[in-house]
N, C-alpha and C. Protein backbone atom coordinates (compact mmCIF):
# COMPACT_ATOMS: atom_id res chain seq x y z
N MET A 1 0.85 -1.18 0.00
CA MET A 1 0.00 0.00 0.00
C MET A 1 0.89 1.24 0.00
N ILE A 2 0.49 2.23 -0.70
CA ILE A 2 1.29 3.43 -0.88
C ILE A 2 1.03 4.44 0.23
N GLY A 3 0.05 4.22 1.04
CA GLY A 3 -0.23 5.18 2.10
C GLY A 3 -1.13 6.29 1.59
N ASP A 4 -0.78 7.52 1.90
CA ASP A 4 -1.61 8.65 1.54
C ASP A 4 -1.37 9.16 0.12
N GLU A 5 -0.36 8.61 -0.57
CA GLU A 5 -0.07 9.07 -1.92
C GLU A 5 -1.20 8.68 -2.86
N SER A 6 -1.55 9.60 -3.72
CA SER A 6 -2.58 9.33 -4.71
C SER A 6 -2.01 8.41 -5.79
N VAL A 7 -2.82 7.51 -6.28
CA VAL A 7 -2.42 6.63 -7.36
C VAL A 7 -2.50 7.36 -8.70
N VAL A 8 -3.38 8.34 -8.79
CA VAL A 8 -3.57 9.13 -10.01
C VAL A 8 -3.34 10.60 -9.67
N THR A 9 -2.38 11.21 -10.37
CA THR A 9 -2.17 12.64 -10.20
C THR A 9 -2.16 13.30 -11.58
N ALA A 10 -2.74 14.47 -11.65
CA ALA A 10 -2.80 15.22 -12.91
C ALA A 10 -2.13 16.56 -12.71
N THR A 11 -1.22 16.88 -13.63
CA THR A 11 -0.51 18.16 -13.59
C THR A 11 -0.40 18.70 -15.01
N THR A 12 0.14 19.88 -15.12
CA THR A 12 0.48 20.44 -16.42
C THR A 12 1.97 20.72 -16.42
N ARG A 13 2.64 20.28 -17.45
CA ARG A 13 4.09 20.47 -17.57
C ARG A 13 4.37 20.97 -18.98
N GLU A 14 4.98 22.13 -19.06
CA GLU A 14 5.32 22.74 -20.35
C GLU A 14 4.09 22.85 -21.26
N GLY A 15 2.93 23.14 -20.65
CA GLY A 15 1.70 23.30 -21.40
C GLY A 15 1.04 22.00 -21.83
N ILE A 16 1.55 20.88 -21.35
CA ILE A 16 1.01 19.56 -21.70
C ILE A 16 0.39 18.94 -20.46
N ALA A 17 -0.80 18.38 -20.62
CA ALA A 17 -1.45 17.68 -19.51
C ALA A 17 -0.71 16.37 -19.27
N VAL A 18 -0.29 16.14 -18.02
CA VAL A 18 0.41 14.91 -17.67
C VAL A 18 -0.37 14.22 -16.55
N ILE A 19 -0.75 12.98 -16.80
CA ILE A 19 -1.45 12.17 -15.81
C ILE A 19 -0.51 11.05 -15.43
N HIS A 20 -0.15 11.02 -14.16
CA HIS A 20 0.83 10.05 -13.67
C HIS A 20 0.09 8.98 -12.86
N LEU A 21 0.30 7.72 -13.24
CA LEU A 21 -0.27 6.60 -12.51
C LEU A 21 0.85 5.92 -11.74
N ARG A 22 0.53 5.48 -10.52
CA ARG A 22 1.56 4.91 -9.66
C ARG A 22 1.05 3.63 -9.01
N GLY A 23 1.90 2.60 -8.99
CA GLY A 23 1.57 1.35 -8.31
C GLY A 23 0.61 0.50 -9.11
N ALA A 24 -0.22 -0.25 -8.41
CA ALA A 24 -1.25 -1.09 -9.03
C ALA A 24 -2.51 -0.26 -9.15
N VAL A 25 -2.98 -0.06 -10.38
CA VAL A 25 -4.13 0.80 -10.62
C VAL A 25 -5.30 -0.08 -11.06
N ASP A 26 -6.35 -0.07 -10.26
CA ASP A 26 -7.56 -0.81 -10.60
C ASP A 26 -8.76 0.05 -10.26
N ALA A 27 -9.94 -0.52 -10.39
CA ALA A 27 -11.17 0.25 -10.16
C ALA A 27 -11.22 0.84 -8.76
N ASP A 28 -10.69 0.11 -7.78
CA ASP A 28 -10.73 0.58 -6.39
C ASP A 28 -9.63 1.59 -6.06
N ARG A 29 -8.46 1.43 -6.68
CA ARG A 29 -7.31 2.27 -6.31
C ARG A 29 -7.04 3.38 -7.31
N GLY A 30 -7.86 3.49 -8.33
CA GLY A 30 -7.62 4.52 -9.32
C GLY A 30 -8.74 5.53 -9.46
N PRO A 31 -9.32 5.96 -8.33
CA PRO A 31 -10.39 6.95 -8.47
C PRO A 31 -9.85 8.23 -9.09
N GLY A 32 -10.67 8.82 -9.90
CA GLY A 32 -10.27 10.07 -10.52
C GLY A 32 -9.64 9.91 -11.89
N LEU A 33 -9.31 8.69 -12.30
CA LEU A 33 -8.64 8.50 -13.59
C LEU A 33 -9.55 8.92 -14.74
N VAL A 34 -10.76 8.43 -14.77
CA VAL A 34 -11.68 8.76 -15.85
C VAL A 34 -11.90 10.27 -15.93
N GLU A 35 -12.08 10.89 -14.77
CA GLU A 35 -12.30 12.33 -14.73
C GLU A 35 -11.07 13.11 -15.21
N ALA A 36 -9.88 12.68 -14.77
CA ALA A 36 -8.65 13.36 -15.18
C ALA A 36 -8.44 13.26 -16.68
N LEU A 37 -8.72 12.10 -17.24
CA LEU A 37 -8.57 11.91 -18.69
C LEU A 37 -9.58 12.74 -19.46
N ALA A 38 -10.82 12.81 -18.97
CA ALA A 38 -11.86 13.60 -19.64
C ALA A 38 -11.53 15.09 -19.57
N GLU A 39 -11.07 15.55 -18.41
CA GLU A 39 -10.69 16.97 -18.27
C GLU A 39 -9.53 17.31 -19.20
N ALA A 40 -8.57 16.39 -19.33
CA ALA A 40 -7.44 16.64 -20.21
C ALA A 40 -7.90 16.73 -21.67
N ALA A 41 -8.82 15.86 -22.06
CA ALA A 41 -9.32 15.88 -23.44
C ALA A 41 -10.07 17.17 -23.74
N ALA A 42 -10.76 17.70 -22.75
CA ALA A 42 -11.54 18.92 -22.92
C ALA A 42 -10.72 20.18 -22.69
N GLY A 43 -9.53 20.04 -22.14
CA GLY A 43 -8.70 21.18 -21.79
C GLY A 43 -8.04 21.83 -22.99
N GLY A 44 -7.19 22.80 -22.71
CA GLY A 44 -6.56 23.57 -23.77
C GLY A 44 -5.28 23.00 -24.34
N SER A 45 -4.78 21.92 -23.77
CA SER A 45 -3.53 21.33 -24.25
C SER A 45 -3.76 20.50 -25.50
N SER A 46 -2.82 20.53 -26.41
CA SER A 46 -2.94 19.73 -27.63
C SER A 46 -2.57 18.28 -27.40
N ARG A 47 -1.95 17.99 -26.25
CA ARG A 47 -1.49 16.63 -25.97
C ARG A 47 -1.69 16.30 -24.51
N THR A 48 -2.04 15.03 -24.26
CA THR A 48 -2.07 14.49 -22.91
C THR A 48 -1.11 13.33 -22.86
N VAL A 49 -0.27 13.32 -21.85
CA VAL A 49 0.66 12.21 -21.64
C VAL A 49 0.21 11.46 -20.39
N VAL A 50 0.05 10.16 -20.52
CA VAL A 50 -0.23 9.30 -19.37
C VAL A 50 1.06 8.58 -19.05
N ASP A 51 1.65 8.94 -17.92
CA ASP A 51 2.93 8.38 -17.49
C ASP A 51 2.68 7.08 -16.73
N LEU A 52 3.05 5.97 -17.35
CA LEU A 52 2.85 4.64 -16.76
C LEU A 52 4.15 4.06 -16.22
N SER A 53 5.21 4.84 -16.16
CA SER A 53 6.52 4.31 -15.79
C SER A 53 6.59 3.79 -14.36
N ASP A 54 5.75 4.29 -13.47
CA ASP A 54 5.73 3.83 -12.07
C ASP A 54 4.54 2.92 -11.79
N THR A 55 3.97 2.37 -12.84
CA THR A 55 2.76 1.55 -12.70
C THR A 55 3.13 0.08 -12.85
N SER A 56 2.80 -0.72 -11.84
CA SER A 56 3.15 -2.14 -11.88
C SER A 56 2.03 -3.01 -12.44
N PHE A 57 0.80 -2.52 -12.40
CA PHE A 57 -0.36 -3.31 -12.85
C PHE A 57 -1.49 -2.37 -13.19
N VAL A 58 -2.21 -2.69 -14.26
CA VAL A 58 -3.47 -2.02 -14.57
C VAL A 58 -4.49 -3.10 -14.90
N ASP A 59 -5.73 -2.86 -14.53
CA ASP A 59 -6.79 -3.82 -14.79
C ASP A 59 -7.61 -3.39 -16.00
N SER A 60 -8.65 -4.16 -16.30
CA SER A 60 -9.48 -3.86 -17.46
C SER A 60 -10.21 -2.53 -17.30
N HIS A 61 -10.52 -2.14 -16.08
CA HIS A 61 -11.15 -0.83 -15.84
C HIS A 61 -10.23 0.28 -16.33
N THR A 62 -8.97 0.19 -16.00
CA THR A 62 -7.98 1.19 -16.42
C THR A 62 -7.81 1.16 -17.93
N LEU A 63 -7.75 -0.04 -18.50
CA LEU A 63 -7.62 -0.16 -19.95
C LEU A 63 -8.81 0.49 -20.64
N HIS A 64 -10.01 0.24 -20.18
CA HIS A 64 -11.20 0.85 -20.77
C HIS A 64 -11.18 2.37 -20.62
N ALA A 65 -10.70 2.86 -19.48
CA ALA A 65 -10.59 4.31 -19.30
C ALA A 65 -9.64 4.90 -20.33
N LEU A 66 -8.52 4.22 -20.58
CA LEU A 66 -7.56 4.71 -21.57
C LEU A 66 -8.13 4.65 -22.99
N LEU A 67 -8.83 3.57 -23.32
CA LEU A 67 -9.44 3.45 -24.65
C LEU A 67 -10.51 4.52 -24.85
N ASP A 68 -11.33 4.75 -23.84
CA ASP A 68 -12.35 5.80 -23.93
C ASP A 68 -11.70 7.18 -24.06
N ALA A 69 -10.62 7.38 -23.32
CA ALA A 69 -9.91 8.66 -23.40
C ALA A 69 -9.31 8.87 -24.78
N GLN A 70 -8.83 7.80 -25.38
CA GLN A 70 -8.29 7.89 -26.74
C GLN A 70 -9.37 8.41 -27.70
N LYS A 71 -10.58 7.90 -27.58
CA LYS A 71 -11.70 8.35 -28.43
C LYS A 71 -12.02 9.82 -28.16
N LEU A 72 -12.06 10.21 -26.88
CA LEU A 72 -12.34 11.61 -26.54
C LEU A 72 -11.28 12.54 -27.09
N HIS A 73 -10.02 12.14 -26.98
CA HIS A 73 -8.93 12.97 -27.47
C HIS A 73 -9.00 13.11 -28.99
N ARG A 74 -9.23 12.02 -29.69
CA ARG A 74 -9.35 12.09 -31.15
C ARG A 74 -10.49 13.02 -31.56
N ALA A 75 -11.63 12.87 -30.91
CA ALA A 75 -12.79 13.71 -31.23
C ALA A 75 -12.51 15.19 -30.99
N ALA A 76 -11.65 15.48 -30.01
CA ALA A 76 -11.31 16.86 -29.67
C ALA A 76 -10.10 17.37 -30.47
N GLY A 77 -9.53 16.53 -31.33
CA GLY A 77 -8.36 16.93 -32.10
C GLY A 77 -7.10 17.01 -31.28
N ARG A 78 -7.04 16.24 -30.20
CA ARG A 78 -5.88 16.23 -29.32
C ARG A 78 -5.24 14.84 -29.37
N SER A 79 -3.97 14.76 -28.99
CA SER A 79 -3.31 13.46 -28.98
C SER A 79 -3.14 12.96 -27.55
N LEU A 80 -3.19 11.65 -27.42
CA LEU A 80 -2.97 10.96 -26.16
C LEU A 80 -1.77 10.06 -26.34
N VAL A 81 -0.79 10.21 -25.46
CA VAL A 81 0.44 9.44 -25.55
C VAL A 81 0.66 8.72 -24.23
N LEU A 82 1.00 7.44 -24.31
CA LEU A 82 1.33 6.67 -23.12
C LEU A 82 2.85 6.61 -23.01
N ALA A 83 3.36 6.95 -21.83
CA ALA A 83 4.80 6.97 -21.62
C ALA A 83 5.22 5.83 -20.69
N GLY A 84 6.30 5.19 -21.03
CA GLY A 84 6.87 4.11 -20.22
C GLY A 84 8.20 4.57 -19.65
N PRO A 85 9.06 3.63 -19.39
CA PRO A 85 8.98 2.24 -19.83
C PRO A 85 7.88 1.49 -19.09
N LEU A 86 7.23 0.59 -19.84
CA LEU A 86 6.15 -0.20 -19.26
C LEU A 86 6.71 -1.39 -18.49
N GLN A 87 6.22 -1.56 -17.28
CA GLN A 87 6.60 -2.73 -16.51
C GLN A 87 5.85 -3.94 -17.07
N VAL A 88 6.32 -5.12 -16.74
CA VAL A 88 5.81 -6.36 -17.32
C VAL A 88 4.30 -6.49 -17.15
N GLY A 89 3.77 -6.19 -15.97
CA GLY A 89 2.34 -6.34 -15.72
C GLY A 89 1.48 -5.44 -16.59
N VAL A 90 1.99 -4.29 -16.94
CA VAL A 90 1.26 -3.35 -17.78
C VAL A 90 1.42 -3.75 -19.25
N ARG A 91 2.63 -4.01 -19.65
CA ARG A 91 2.90 -4.40 -21.04
C ARG A 91 2.10 -5.66 -21.41
N ARG A 92 2.03 -6.58 -20.48
CA ARG A 92 1.32 -7.85 -20.73
C ARG A 92 -0.16 -7.61 -21.03
N LEU A 93 -0.80 -6.68 -20.33
CA LEU A 93 -2.21 -6.40 -20.59
C LEU A 93 -2.42 -5.90 -22.02
N PHE A 94 -1.56 -5.01 -22.48
CA PHE A 94 -1.67 -4.51 -23.85
C PHE A 94 -1.43 -5.62 -24.87
N GLU A 95 -0.48 -6.51 -24.57
CA GLU A 95 -0.18 -7.62 -25.47
C GLU A 95 -1.34 -8.62 -25.53
N VAL A 96 -1.83 -9.03 -24.38
CA VAL A 96 -2.89 -10.04 -24.31
C VAL A 96 -4.18 -9.55 -24.95
N THR A 97 -4.49 -8.29 -24.76
CA THR A 97 -5.74 -7.74 -25.29
C THR A 97 -5.60 -7.23 -26.72
N GLY A 98 -4.38 -7.13 -27.21
CA GLY A 98 -4.15 -6.62 -28.56
C GLY A 98 -4.46 -5.15 -28.72
N THR A 99 -4.42 -4.40 -27.62
CA THR A 99 -4.79 -2.99 -27.68
C THR A 99 -3.59 -2.04 -27.77
N GLY A 100 -2.40 -2.57 -27.74
CA GLY A 100 -1.22 -1.72 -27.79
C GLY A 100 -1.18 -0.82 -29.01
N SER A 101 -1.65 -1.34 -30.14
CA SER A 101 -1.60 -0.56 -31.38
C SER A 101 -2.63 0.58 -31.39
N ALA A 102 -3.53 0.60 -30.43
CA ALA A 102 -4.52 1.68 -30.35
C ALA A 102 -3.93 2.97 -29.81
N PHE A 103 -2.71 2.89 -29.27
CA PHE A 103 -2.10 4.03 -28.59
C PHE A 103 -0.75 4.38 -29.20
N ARG A 104 -0.41 5.65 -29.09
CA ARG A 104 0.96 6.08 -29.34
C ARG A 104 1.69 5.86 -28.02
N MET A 105 2.80 5.10 -28.05
CA MET A 105 3.56 4.81 -26.84
C MET A 105 5.01 5.21 -27.04
N THR A 106 5.59 5.69 -25.96
CA THR A 106 7.00 6.05 -25.98
C THR A 106 7.70 5.38 -24.79
N ASP A 107 9.02 5.37 -24.84
CA ASP A 107 9.80 4.71 -23.79
C ASP A 107 10.08 5.60 -22.58
N SER A 108 9.71 6.88 -22.67
CA SER A 108 9.99 7.77 -21.55
C SER A 108 9.04 8.96 -21.57
N LEU A 109 8.92 9.58 -20.41
CA LEU A 109 8.10 10.79 -20.31
C LEU A 109 8.69 11.89 -21.18
N GLU A 110 9.99 12.00 -21.19
CA GLU A 110 10.65 13.06 -21.98
C GLU A 110 10.32 12.92 -23.48
N SER A 111 10.37 11.70 -24.00
CA SER A 111 10.06 11.53 -25.42
C SER A 111 8.57 11.73 -25.69
N ALA A 112 7.72 11.38 -24.74
CA ALA A 112 6.28 11.59 -24.89
C ALA A 112 5.95 13.09 -24.93
N MET A 113 6.73 13.89 -24.25
CA MET A 113 6.48 15.33 -24.22
C MET A 113 6.78 16.00 -25.56
N THR A 114 7.58 15.38 -26.39
CA THR A 114 8.02 16.02 -27.63
C THR A 114 7.61 15.28 -28.90
N CYS A 115 6.97 14.14 -28.77
CA CYS A 115 6.66 13.36 -29.99
C CYS A 115 5.47 13.90 -30.74
């Protein structure tokens, strides 16, 4: 357990919306993810980066939130980028579900900020 640290944090960095996920993110431990992604899609930034580098596990709830956010971002003319490096538990979900190709992914937050 992470204690009082939030599993989902949303900030703005260099004019880009950055949503950072930490630890194991599931329906119970990831409150605010859907809202943060929707706010980013509706916001003024042309890009949203979801930083998954500190994420050890995501469940189907999180995957659906990301897929829905991808649709919202496309409809708003904004891009959604997932930043890694992805840990095995996260990478495996994208591989097993075949959803990895639905997203632009980078190996680092820095590359996601400029791609």
